[in-house]
Amino acid sequence: MRCKMDQFDEMLKKRAAEEPFPIPQDYAGRVFQTCAGLEETKPRSRRSHRWAACAAAALALFIAVPNVSPAAAAAMAEVPLLGAIVEIITFRSYTYDDGHGAANVTVPELGGSGAAEEISQQVREYTDRLIARFEEDCKTLGTGYEALDVSSTVVTDTEQWFTLRVDAVQTQAGAYQFSRFYHIDKTTGETVSLRDLFRKDTDYVAVLSAQVRQQMDARMAENQEADYFPENFADIDPEQNFYWNEAGDLVLVFDEYAIAPGSMGMQEFTIPANVYEALLK
């Protein structure tokens, strides 16, 4: 297998040198379309063997292209929104469709600093788990349908913050949407979570949770179609998903079904700065 992959890489390199292929104008923008990283597992059947083979081929091809093409490398360097502390090294991608199961996942591999590499590792481990679960579901569902779509976007890139958002949609009988956010504080060069924003002597969980409850009540009072589960909501997670919006406000994000019916989708709550700024480090 290794020999075949080496021959495949050599073929790509020779082809890239002799016949540089054109890169679509929107190539750079595709960087934040979807995500992946697939750990190899021993196939249990001819079908799963075919699934694993397709995954390896797709991953190898997608990674090889930007590594051997000067045009692709130039396109990566021109991706907007990325500061000097974060740069794109390559892409990881996987697609699969056999009529009963379909997956579409791609993610940028980040570099340029220890924090960027740490985020790449976290995203890789996270998406590995998603794909492993998808593979397992495909084996057990039989003729049932299973789909996994994962995309990523840069939602914040300021002088202080870089935030990568990874969105996933898992579909069986219905669809379930969930997200994860990965942050770099550019002033310190470190990755951060919600807990890291606040001093240890503060009860930021209680303060932010109270704000979420107030906003849920207000939304239900203003809109009869708004339907939350306030009785089931105790507190936010100490590591609750969040990001900073364009105004610099803290936004808390909840996965679909976490605090409201699926018909309401994912829910976000913008927290006024005067609520939490005295609690910050």
C-alpha atoms as a PDB file:
ATOM      1  CA  MET A   1       0.000   0.000   0.000  1.00  0.00           C
ATOM      2  CA  ARG A   2       2.869   2.338   0.915  1.00  0.00           C
ATOM      3  CA  CYS A   3       4.582   1.601  -2.404  1.00  0.00           C
ATOM      4  CA  LYS A   4       1.405   2.415  -4.336  1.00  0.00           C
ATOM      5  CA  MET A   5       0.955   5.657  -2.436  1.00  0.00           C
ATOM      6  CA  ASP A   6       4.589   6.651  -3.168  1.00  0.00           C
ATOM      7  CA  GLN A   7       4.034   5.939  -6.857  1.00  0.00           C
ATOM      8  CA  PHE A   8       0.811   7.975  -6.753  1.00  0.00           C
ATOM      9  CA  ASP A   9       2.614  10.922  -5.119  1.00  0.00           C
ATOM     10  CA  GLU A  10       5.402  10.784  -7.698  1.00  0.00           C
ATOM     11  CA  MET A  11       2.838  10.773 -10.504  1.00  0.00           C
ATOM     12  CA  LEU A  12       1.128  13.852  -9.026  1.00  0.00           C
ATOM     13  CA  LYS A  13       4.414  15.702  -8.626  1.00  0.00           C
ATOM     14  CA  LYS A  14       5.463  14.934 -12.215  1.00  0.00           C
ATOM     15  CA  ARG A  15       2.039  15.968 -13.559  1.00  0.00           C
ATOM     16  CA  ALA A  16       2.081  19.205 -11.530  1.00  0.00           C
ATOM     17  CA  ALA A  17       5.528  20.093 -12.859  1.00  0.00           C
ATOM     18  CA  GLU A  18       4.714  19.327 -16.493  1.00  0.00           C
ATOM     19  CA  GLU A  19       1.107  20.550 -16.647  1.00  0.00           C
ATOM     20  CA  PRO A  20       0.260  23.006 -13.847  1.00  0.00           C
ATOM     21  CA  PHE A  21      -3.508  22.820 -13.498  1.00  0.00           C
ATOM     22  CA  PRO A  22      -5.645  25.963 -13.067  1.00  0.00           C
ATOM     23  CA  ILE A  23      -6.961  26.736  -9.602  1.00  0.00           C
ATOM     24  CA  PRO A  24     -10.614  27.917  -9.375  1.00  0.00           C
ATOM     25  CA  GLN A  25     -11.059  31.501  -8.250  1.00  0.00           C
ATOM     26  CA  ASP A  26     -12.966  30.378  -5.192  1.00  0.00           C
ATOM     27  CA  TYR A  27     -10.331  27.790  -4.187  1.00  0.00           C
ATOM     28  CA  ALA A  28      -9.136  29.743  -1.156  1.00  0.00           C
ATOM     29  CA  GLY A  29     -12.657  30.294   0.076  1.00  0.00           C
ATOM     30  CA  ARG A  30     -13.300  26.549   0.115  1.00  0.00           C
ATOM     31  CA  VAL A  31     -10.862  26.211   3.007  1.00  0.00           C
ATOM     32  CA  PHE A  32     -13.666  26.745   5.486  1.00  0.00           C
ATOM     33  CA  GLN A  33     -16.291  24.513   3.884  1.00  0.00           C
ATOM     34  CA  THR A  34     -16.075  21.248   5.847  1.00  0.00           C
ATOM     35  CA  CYS A  35     -13.894  19.104   8.134  1.00  0.00           C
ATOM     36  CA  ALA A  36     -12.177  15.698   8.637  1.00  0.00           C
ATOM     37  CA  GLY A  37      -9.504  13.363   9.944  1.00  0.00           C
ATOM     38  CA  LEU A  38     -10.038   9.628   9.749  1.00  0.00           C
ATOM     39  CA  GLU A  39      -8.314   7.022  11.868  1.00  0.00           C
ATOM     40  CA  GLU A  40      -7.758   3.749  10.038  1.00  0.00           C
ATOM     41  CA  THR A  41      -9.715   0.786  11.372  1.00  0.00           C
ATOM     42  CA  LYS A  42      -9.678  -2.867  10.391  1.00  0.00           C
ATOM     43  CA  PRO A  43     -12.517  -3.552   7.941  1.00  0.00           C
ATOM     44  CA  ARG A  44     -15.079  -6.120   9.046  1.00  0.00           C
ATOM     45  CA  SER A  45     -16.567  -6.822   5.630  1.00  0.00           C
ATOM     46  CA  ARG A  46     -16.089  -6.232   1.926  1.00  0.00           C
ATOM     47  CA  ARG A  47     -18.373  -3.200   2.186  1.00  0.00           C
ATOM     48  CA  SER A  48     -16.427  -1.644   5.056  1.00  0.00           C
ATOM     49  CA  HIS A  49     -13.168  -2.441   3.232  1.00  0.00           C
ATOM     50  CA  ARG A  50     -14.441  -0.518   0.216  1.00  0.00           C
ATOM     51  CA  TRP A  51     -15.507   2.364   2.526  1.00  0.00           C
ATOM     52  CA  ALA A  52     -12.037   2.572   4.106  1.00  0.00           C
ATOM     53  CA  ALA A  53     -10.299   2.387   0.747  1.00  0.00           C
ATOM     54  CA  CYS A  54     -12.387   5.262  -0.617  1.00  0.00           C
ATOM     55  CA  ALA A  55     -11.604   7.303   2.489  1.00  0.00           C
ATOM     56  CA  ALA A  56      -7.841   6.752   2.162  1.00  0.00           C
ATOM     57  CA  ALA A  57      -7.849   7.591  -1.538  1.00  0.00           C
ATOM     58  CA  ALA A  58      -9.856  10.782  -1.060  1.00  0.00           C
ATOM     59  CA  LEU A  59      -7.648  11.940   1.808  1.00  0.00           C
ATOM     60  CA  ALA A  60      -4.392  11.187   0.014  1.00  0.00           C
ATOM     61  CA  LEU A  61      -5.448  12.955  -3.178  1.00  0.00           C
ATOM     62  CA  PHE A  62      -6.719  16.091  -1.474  1.00  0.00           C
ATOM     63  CA  ILE A  63      -3.607  16.514   0.671  1.00  0.00           C
ATOM     64  CA  ALA A  64      -1.205  15.780  -2.183  1.00  0.00           C
ATOM     65  CA  VAL A  65      -2.543  18.434  -4.554  1.00  0.00           C
ATOM     66  CA  PRO A  66      -1.775  21.592  -2.523  1.00  0.00           C
ATOM     67  CA  ASN A  67       1.604  20.148  -1.531  1.00  0.00           C
ATOM     68  CA  VAL A  68       2.832  19.719  -5.128  1.00  0.00           C
ATOM     69  CA  SER A  69       1.124  22.596  -6.954  1.00  0.00           C
ATOM     70  CA  PRO A  70       2.693  26.085  -6.801  1.00  0.00           C
ATOM     71  CA  ALA A  71      -0.651  27.595  -7.838  1.00  0.00           C
ATOM     72  CA  ALA A  72      -2.420  25.831  -4.970  1.00  0.00           C
ATOM     73  CA  ALA A  73       0.218  26.976  -2.499  1.00  0.00           C
ATOM     74  CA  ALA A  74      -0.229  30.559  -3.676  1.00  0.00           C
ATOM     75  CA  ALA A  75      -3.987  30.295  -3.286  1.00  0.00           C
ATOM     76  CA  MET A  76      -3.577  29.107   0.296  1.00  0.00           C
ATOM     77  CA  ALA A  77      -1.331  32.049   1.104  1.00  0.00           C
ATOM     78  CA  GLU A  78      -4.071  34.435  -0.064  1.00  0.00           C
ATOM     79  CA  VAL A  79      -6.821  33.084   2.194  1.00  0.00           C
ATOM     80  CA  PRO A  80      -8.396  36.102   3.936  1.00  0.00           C
ATOM     81  CA  LEU A  81      -8.985  36.606   7.655  1.00  0.00           C
ATOM     82  CA  LEU A  82      -5.877  34.773   8.834  1.00  0.00           C
ATOM     83  CA  GLY A  83      -3.261  36.763  10.717  1.00  0.00           C
ATOM     84  CA  ALA A  84       0.430  35.941  10.986  1.00  0.00           C
ATOM     85  CA  ILE A  85      -0.217  33.793  14.036  1.00  0.00           C
ATOM     86  CA  VAL A  86      -2.280  31.334  11.959  1.00  0.00           C
ATOM     87  CA  GLU A  87      -1.482  29.944   8.535  1.00  0.00           C
ATOM     88  CA  ILE A  88      -2.833  27.094   6.445  1.00  0.00           C
ATOM     89  CA  ILE A  89      -0.405  24.232   5.916  1.00  0.00           C
ATOM     90  CA  THR A  90      -2.642  21.893   3.926  1.00  0.00           C
ATOM     91  CA  PHE A  91      -6.145  20.449   3.861  1.00  0.00           C
ATOM     92  CA  ARG A  92      -7.679  17.233   5.137  1.00  0.00           C
ATOM     93  CA  SER A  93     -10.790  16.047   3.352  1.00  0.00           C
ATOM     94  CA  TYR A  94     -13.049  13.021   3.099  1.00  0.00           C
ATOM     95  CA  THR A  95     -16.179  12.299   1.069  1.00  0.00           C
ATOM     96  CA  TYR A  96     -18.253   9.113   0.909  1.00  0.00           C
ATOM     97  CA  ASP A  97     -21.556   8.108  -0.706  1.00  0.00           C
ATOM     98  CA  ASP A  98     -22.901   4.603  -1.312  1.00  0.00           C
ATOM     99  CA  GLY A  99     -26.588   5.502  -1.571  1.00  0.00           C
ATOM    100  CA  HIS A 100     -27.295   4.609   2.059  1.00  0.00           C
ATOM    101  CA  GLY A 101     -24.609   6.669   3.742  1.00  0.00           C
ATOM    102  CA  ALA A 102     -23.025   9.982   2.746  1.00  0.00           C
ATOM    103  CA  ALA A 103     -20.301  12.069   4.342  1.00  0.00           C
ATOM    104  CA  ASN A 104     -18.680  15.345   3.334  1.00  0.00           C
ATOM    105  CA  VAL A 105     -15.947  16.602   5.632  1.00  0.00           C
ATOM    106  CA  THR A 106     -12.946  18.907   5.085  1.00  0.00           C
ATOM    107  CA  VAL A 107     -10.825  20.968   7.444  1.00  0.00           C
ATOM    108  CA  PRO A 108      -7.816  23.269   7.127  1.00  0.00           C
ATOM    109  CA  GLU A 109      -4.652  22.160   8.868  1.00  0.00           C
ATOM    110  CA  LEU A 110      -3.375  25.212  10.763  1.00  0.00           C
ATOM    111  CA  GLY A 111       0.194  26.175  11.569  1.00  0.00           C
ATOM    112  CA  GLY A 112       2.323  29.224  12.269  1.00  0.00           C
ATOM    113  CA  SER A 113       2.332  28.917  16.051  1.00  0.00           C
ATOM    114  CA  GLY A 114       2.026  26.389  18.830  1.00  0.00           C
ATOM    115  CA  ALA A 115      -1.553  27.500  19.460  1.00  0.00           C
ATOM    116  CA  ALA A 116      -2.528  26.993  15.811  1.00  0.00           C
ATOM    117  CA  GLU A 117      -1.024  23.506  15.812  1.00  0.00           C
ATOM    118  CA  GLU A 118      -2.820  22.731  19.078  1.00  0.00           C
ATOM    119  CA  ILE A 119      -6.145  23.714  17.524  1.00  0.00           C
ATOM    120  CA  SER A 120      -5.420  21.549  14.481  1.00  0.00           C
ATOM    121  CA  GLN A 121      -4.826  18.604  16.790  1.00  0.00           C
ATOM    122  CA  GLN A 122      -8.059  19.257  18.708  1.00  0.00           C
ATOM    123  CA  VAL A 123     -10.106  19.579  15.506  1.00  0.00           C
ATOM    124  CA  ARG A 124      -8.489  16.449  14.073  1.00  0.00           C
ATOM    125  CA  GLU A 125      -9.357  14.393  17.171  1.00  0.00           C
ATOM    126  CA  TYR A 126     -12.902  15.774  17.216  1.00  0.00           C
ATOM    127  CA  THR A 127     -13.589  15.042  13.558  1.00  0.00           C
ATOM    128  CA  ASP A 128     -11.957  11.612  13.849  1.00  0.00           C
ATOM    129  CA  ARG A 129     -14.585  10.753  16.451  1.00  0.00           C
ATOM    130  CA  LEU A 130     -17.406  12.070  14.247  1.00  0.00           C
ATOM    131  CA  ILE A 131     -16.303  10.006  11.275  1.00  0.00           C
ATOM    132  CA  ALA A 132     -15.716   6.900  13.390  1.00  0.00           C
ATOM    133  CA  ARG A 133     -19.277   7.211  14.686  1.00  0.00           C
ATOM    134  CA  PHE A 134     -20.561   7.712  11.132  1.00  0.00           C
ATOM    135  CA  GLU A 135     -18.708   4.584   9.977  1.00  0.00           C
ATOM    136  CA  GLU A 136     -20.155   2.570  12.857  1.00  0.00           C
ATOM    137  CA  ASP A 137     -23.677   3.830  12.119  1.00  0.00           C
ATOM    138  CA  CYS A 138     -23.348   2.871   8.449  1.00  0.00           C
ATOM    139  CA  LYS A 139     -22.490  -0.681   9.482  1.00  0.00           C
ATOM    140  CA  THR A 140     -25.413  -1.055  11.882  1.00  0.00           C
ATOM    141  CA  LEU A 141     -28.177   0.785   9.998  1.00  0.00           C
ATOM    142  CA  GLY A 142     -28.221  -1.593   7.049  1.00  0.00           C
ATOM    143  CA  THR A 143     -30.548  -0.059   4.469  1.00  0.00           C
ATOM    144  CA  GLY A 144     -31.223   2.982   6.673  1.00  0.00           C
ATOM    145  CA  TYR A 145     -29.819   6.365   5.696  1.00  0.00           C
ATOM    146  CA  GLU A 146     -27.009   8.135   7.548  1.00  0.00           C
ATOM    147  CA  ALA A 147     -25.332  11.416   6.590  1.00  0.00           C
ATOM    148  CA  LEU A 148     -22.618  13.592   8.066  1.00  0.00           C
ATOM    149  CA  ASP A 149     -21.734  17.087   6.872  1.00  0.00           C
ATOM    150  CA  VAL A 150     -19.081  19.174   8.571  1.00  0.00           C
ATOM    151  CA  SER A 151     -18.037  22.711   7.652  1.00  0.00           C
ATOM    152  CA  SER A 152     -15.785  25.305   9.213  1.00  0.00           C
ATOM    153  CA  THR A 153     -15.550  29.089   9.130  1.00  0.00           C
ATOM    154  CA  VAL A 154     -13.475  31.796  10.744  1.00  0.00           C
ATOM    155  CA  VAL A 155     -16.018  33.743  12.784  1.00  0.00           C
ATOM    156  CA  THR A 156     -13.588  36.112  14.516  1.00  0.00           C
ATOM    157  CA  ASP A 157     -10.252  37.521  13.391  1.00  0.00           C
ATOM    158  CA  THR A 158      -9.275  40.708  15.207  1.00  0.00           C
ATOM    159  CA  GLU A 159      -6.072  42.086  16.651  1.00  0.00           C
ATOM    160  CA  GLN A 160      -6.711  40.001  19.769  1.00  0.00           C
ATOM    161  CA  TRP A 161      -8.865  37.026  18.755  1.00  0.00           C
ATOM    162  CA  PHE A 162      -8.885  34.257  16.188  1.00  0.00           C
ATOM    163  CA  THR A 163     -11.846  31.845  16.315  1.00  0.00           C
ATOM    164  CA  LEU A 164     -12.489  28.827  14.118  1.00  0.00           C
ATOM    165  CA  ARG A 165     -16.039  27.461  14.153  1.00  0.00           C
ATOM    166  CA  VAL A 166     -16.675  23.827  13.181  1.00  0.00           C
ATOM    167  CA  ASP A 167     -20.313  23.052  12.330  1.00  0.00           C
ATOM    168  CA  ALA A 168     -21.646  19.513  11.987  1.00  0.00           C
ATOM    169  CA  VAL A 169     -25.002  18.168  10.836  1.00  0.00           C
ATOM    170  CA  GLN A 170     -25.799  14.517  11.485  1.00  0.00           C
ATOM    171  CA  THR A 171     -28.824  13.075   9.703  1.00  0.00           C
ATOM    172  CA  GLN A 172     -30.715   9.827  10.307  1.00  0.00           C
ATOM    173  CA  ALA A 173     -34.468   9.983  10.824  1.00  0.00           C
ATOM    174  CA  GLY A 174     -33.994  13.718  11.411  1.00  0.00           C
ATOM    175  CA  ALA A 175     -31.184  16.232  11.393  1.00  0.00           C
ATOM    176  CA  TYR A 176     -29.141  17.317  14.409  1.00  0.00           C
ATOM    177  CA  GLN A 177     -26.851  20.360  14.217  1.00  0.00           C
ATOM    178  CA  PHE A 178     -24.023  21.063  16.638  1.00  0.00           C
ATOM    179  CA  SER A 179     -20.900  23.229  16.715  1.00  0.00           C
ATOM    180  CA  ARG A 180     -17.530  23.593  18.391  1.00  0.00           C
ATOM    181  CA  PHE A 181     -15.464  26.776  18.660  1.00  0.00           C
ATOM    182  CA  TYR A 182     -11.672  27.011  18.889  1.00  0.00           C
ATOM    183  CA  HIS A 183     -10.011  30.233  20.050  1.00  0.00           C
ATOM    184  CA  ILE A 184      -6.557  31.804  20.046  1.00  0.00           C
ATOM    185  CA  ASP A 185      -5.761  34.889  22.115  1.00  0.00           C
ATOM    186  CA  LYS A 186      -3.264  36.627  19.828  1.00  0.00           C
ATOM    187  CA  THR A 187      -1.939  38.802  22.650  1.00  0.00           C
ATOM    188  CA  THR A 188      -0.715  35.730  24.540  1.00  0.00           C
ATOM    189  CA  GLY A 189      -0.393  33.237  21.692  1.00  0.00           C
ATOM    190  CA  GLU A 190      -2.436  30.688  23.649  1.00  0.00           C
ATOM    191  CA  THR A 191      -5.608  28.718  23.023  1.00  0.00           C
ATOM    192  CA  VAL A 192      -8.462  29.629  25.368  1.00  0.00           C
ATOM    193  CA  SER A 193     -11.866  28.328  26.444  1.00  0.00           C
ATOM    194  CA  LEU A 194     -14.661  30.151  28.257  1.00  0.00           C
ATOM    195  CA  ARG A 195     -13.202  29.261  31.650  1.00  0.00           C
ATOM    196  CA  ASP A 196      -9.908  30.929  30.740  1.00  0.00           C
ATOM    197  CA  LEU A 197     -11.563  34.331  30.272  1.00  0.00           C
ATOM    198  CA  PHE A 198     -12.548  34.778  33.911  1.00  0.00           C
ATOM    199  CA  ARG A 199     -10.767  35.052  37.239  1.00  0.00           C
ATOM    200  CA  LYS A 200     -10.853  31.941  39.394  1.00  0.00           C
ATOM    201  CA  ASP A 201     -12.508  33.785  42.270  1.00  0.00           C
ATOM    202  CA  THR A 202     -15.605  34.624  40.202  1.00  0.00           C
ATOM    203  CA  ASP A 203     -18.804  32.657  39.669  1.00  0.00           C
ATOM    204  CA  TYR A 204     -19.049  33.473  35.983  1.00  0.00           C
ATOM    205  CA  VAL A 205     -21.214  30.384  35.361  1.00  0.00           C
ATOM    206  CA  ALA A 206     -23.991  31.714  37.631  1.00  0.00           C
ATOM    207  CA  VAL A 207     -23.783  35.237  36.190  1.00  0.00           C
ATOM    208  CA  LEU A 208     -23.936  34.143  32.546  1.00  0.00           C
ATOM    209  CA  SER A 209     -26.585  31.497  33.262  1.00  0.00           C
ATOM    210  CA  ALA A 210     -28.843  34.135  34.805  1.00  0.00           C
ATOM    211  CA  GLN A 211     -28.529  36.207  31.645  1.00  0.00           C
ATOM    212  CA  VAL A 212     -29.473  33.247  29.461  1.00  0.00           C
ATOM    213  CA  ARG A 213     -32.585  32.585  31.577  1.00  0.00           C
ATOM    214  CA  GLN A 214     -33.630  36.237  31.396  1.00  0.00           C
ATOM    215  CA  GLN A 215     -33.246  36.301  27.628  1.00  0.00           C
ATOM    216  CA  MET A 216     -35.185  33.048  27.210  1.00  0.00           C
ATOM    217  CA  ASP A 217     -38.060  34.469  29.263  1.00  0.00           C
ATOM    218  CA  ALA A 218     -37.975  37.736  27.316  1.00  0.00           C
ATOM    219  CA  ARG A 219     -38.034  35.972  23.947  1.00  0.00           C
ATOM    220  CA  MET A 220     -40.982  33.789  24.952  1.00  0.00           C
ATOM    221  CA  ALA A 221     -42.869  36.851  26.230  1.00  0.00           C
ATOM    222  CA  GLU A 222     -42.285  38.708  22.957  1.00  0.00           C
ATOM    223  CA  ASN A 223     -42.860  35.824  20.567  1.00  0.00           C
ATOM    224  CA  GLN A 224     -45.446  33.088  21.072  1.00  0.00           C
ATOM    225  CA  GLU A 225     -43.556  30.820  18.678  1.00  0.00           C
ATOM    226  CA  ALA A 226     -40.431  30.937  20.858  1.00  0.00           C
ATOM    227  CA  ASP A 227     -40.396  27.795  22.958  1.00  0.00           C
ATOM    228  CA  TYR A 228     -37.542  27.061  25.360  1.00  0.00           C
ATOM    229  CA  PHE A 229     -36.986  24.531  28.126  1.00  0.00           C
ATOM    230  CA  PRO A 230     -36.255  26.885  31.061  1.00  0.00           C
ATOM    231  CA  GLU A 231     -37.291  24.227  33.577  1.00  0.00           C
ATOM    232  CA  ASN A 232     -34.607  21.905  32.198  1.00  0.00           C
ATOM    233  CA  PHE A 233     -31.899  24.553  32.077  1.00  0.00           C
ATOM    234  CA  ALA A 234     -29.805  24.681  35.234  1.00  0.00           C
ATOM    235  CA  ASP A 235     -26.586  26.409  34.207  1.00  0.00           C
ATOM    236  CA  ILE A 236     -24.341  26.852  31.219  1.00  0.00           C
ATOM    237  CA  ASP A 237     -21.423  24.486  30.835  1.00  0.00           C
ATOM    238  CA  PRO A 238     -18.222  25.958  32.353  1.00  0.00           C
ATOM    239  CA  GLU A 239     -16.745  25.417  28.881  1.00  0.00           C
ATOM    240  CA  GLN A 240     -19.839  26.602  26.984  1.00  0.00           C
ATOM    241  CA  ASN A 241     -19.370  27.315  23.283  1.00  0.00           C
ATOM    242  CA  PHE A 242     -18.868  31.015  22.639  1.00  0.00           C
ATOM    243  CA  TYR A 243     -17.436  33.572  20.245  1.00  0.00           C
ATOM    244  CA  TRP A 244     -16.935  37.347  20.040  1.00  0.00           C
ATOM    245  CA  ASN A 245     -19.183  39.113  17.526  1.00  0.00           C
ATOM    246  CA  GLU A 246     -18.215  42.108  15.377  1.00  0.00           C
ATOM    247  CA  ALA A 247     -19.203  44.507  18.155  1.00  0.00           C
ATOM    248  CA  GLY A 248     -16.875  42.689  20.561  1.00  0.00           C
ATOM    249  CA  ASP A 249     -19.755  41.190  22.579  1.00  0.00           C
ATOM    250  CA  LEU A 250     -19.616  37.718  24.101  1.00  0.00           C
ATOM    251  CA  VAL A 251     -22.049  35.309  22.385  1.00  0.00           C
ATOM    252  CA  LEU A 252     -22.969  31.974  24.006  1.00  0.00           C
ATOM    253  CA  VAL A 253     -23.983  29.187  21.624  1.00  0.00           C
ATOM    254  CA  PHE A 254     -26.161  26.137  22.349  1.00  0.00           C
ATOM    255  CA  ASP A 255     -26.450  23.049  20.158  1.00  0.00           C
ATOM    256  CA  GLU A 256     -29.766  22.133  18.589  1.00  0.00           C
ATOM    257  CA  TYR A 257     -32.157  20.505  21.122  1.00  0.00           C
ATOM    258  CA  ALA A 258     -29.986  21.606  24.070  1.00  0.00           C
ATOM    259  CA  ILE A 259     -32.404  24.216  25.436  1.00  0.00           C
ATOM    260  CA  ALA A 260     -35.175  24.381  22.815  1.00  0.00           C
ATOM    261  CA  PRO A 261     -37.030  22.143  20.331  1.00  0.00           C
ATOM    262  CA  GLY A 262     -35.186  21.199  17.174  1.00  0.00           C
ATOM    263  CA  SER A 263     -37.529  23.419  15.162  1.00  0.00           C
ATOM    264  CA  MET A 264     -35.815  26.453  16.718  1.00  0.00           C
ATOM    265  CA  GLY A 265     -32.372  25.314  15.607  1.00  0.00           C
ATOM    266  CA  MET A 266     -29.193  26.310  17.406  1.00  0.00           C
ATOM    267  CA  GLN A 267     -29.615  29.156  19.880  1.00  0.00           C
ATOM    268  CA  GLU A 268     -27.303  32.090  20.576  1.00  0.00           C
ATOM    269  CA  PHE A 269     -27.385  34.627  23.401  1.00  0.00           C
ATOM    270  CA  THR A 270     -25.441  37.878  23.250  1.00  0.00           C
ATOM    271  CA  ILE A 271     -24.278  38.888  26.720  1.00  0.00           C
ATOM    272  CA  PRO A 272     -23.832  42.651  27.367  1.00  0.00           C
ATOM    273  CA  ALA A 273     -20.270  43.548  28.326  1.00  0.00           C
ATOM    274  CA  ASN A 274     -21.372  45.305  31.526  1.00  0.00           C
ATOM    275  CA  VAL A 275     -22.628  41.939  32.823  1.00  0.00           C
ATOM    276  CA  TYR A 276     -19.285  40.160  32.783  1.00  0.00           C
ATOM    277  CA  GLU A 277     -16.437  42.652  32.232  1.00  0.00           C
ATOM    278  CA  ALA A 278     -15.744  42.993  35.966  1.00  0.00           C
ATOM    279  CA  LEU A 279     -15.214  39.223  36.105  1.00  0.00           C
ATOM    280  CA  LEU A 280     -12.596  39.064  33.371  1.00  0.00           C
ATOM    281  CA  LYS A 281      -8.944  38.433  34.098  1.00  0.00           C
END
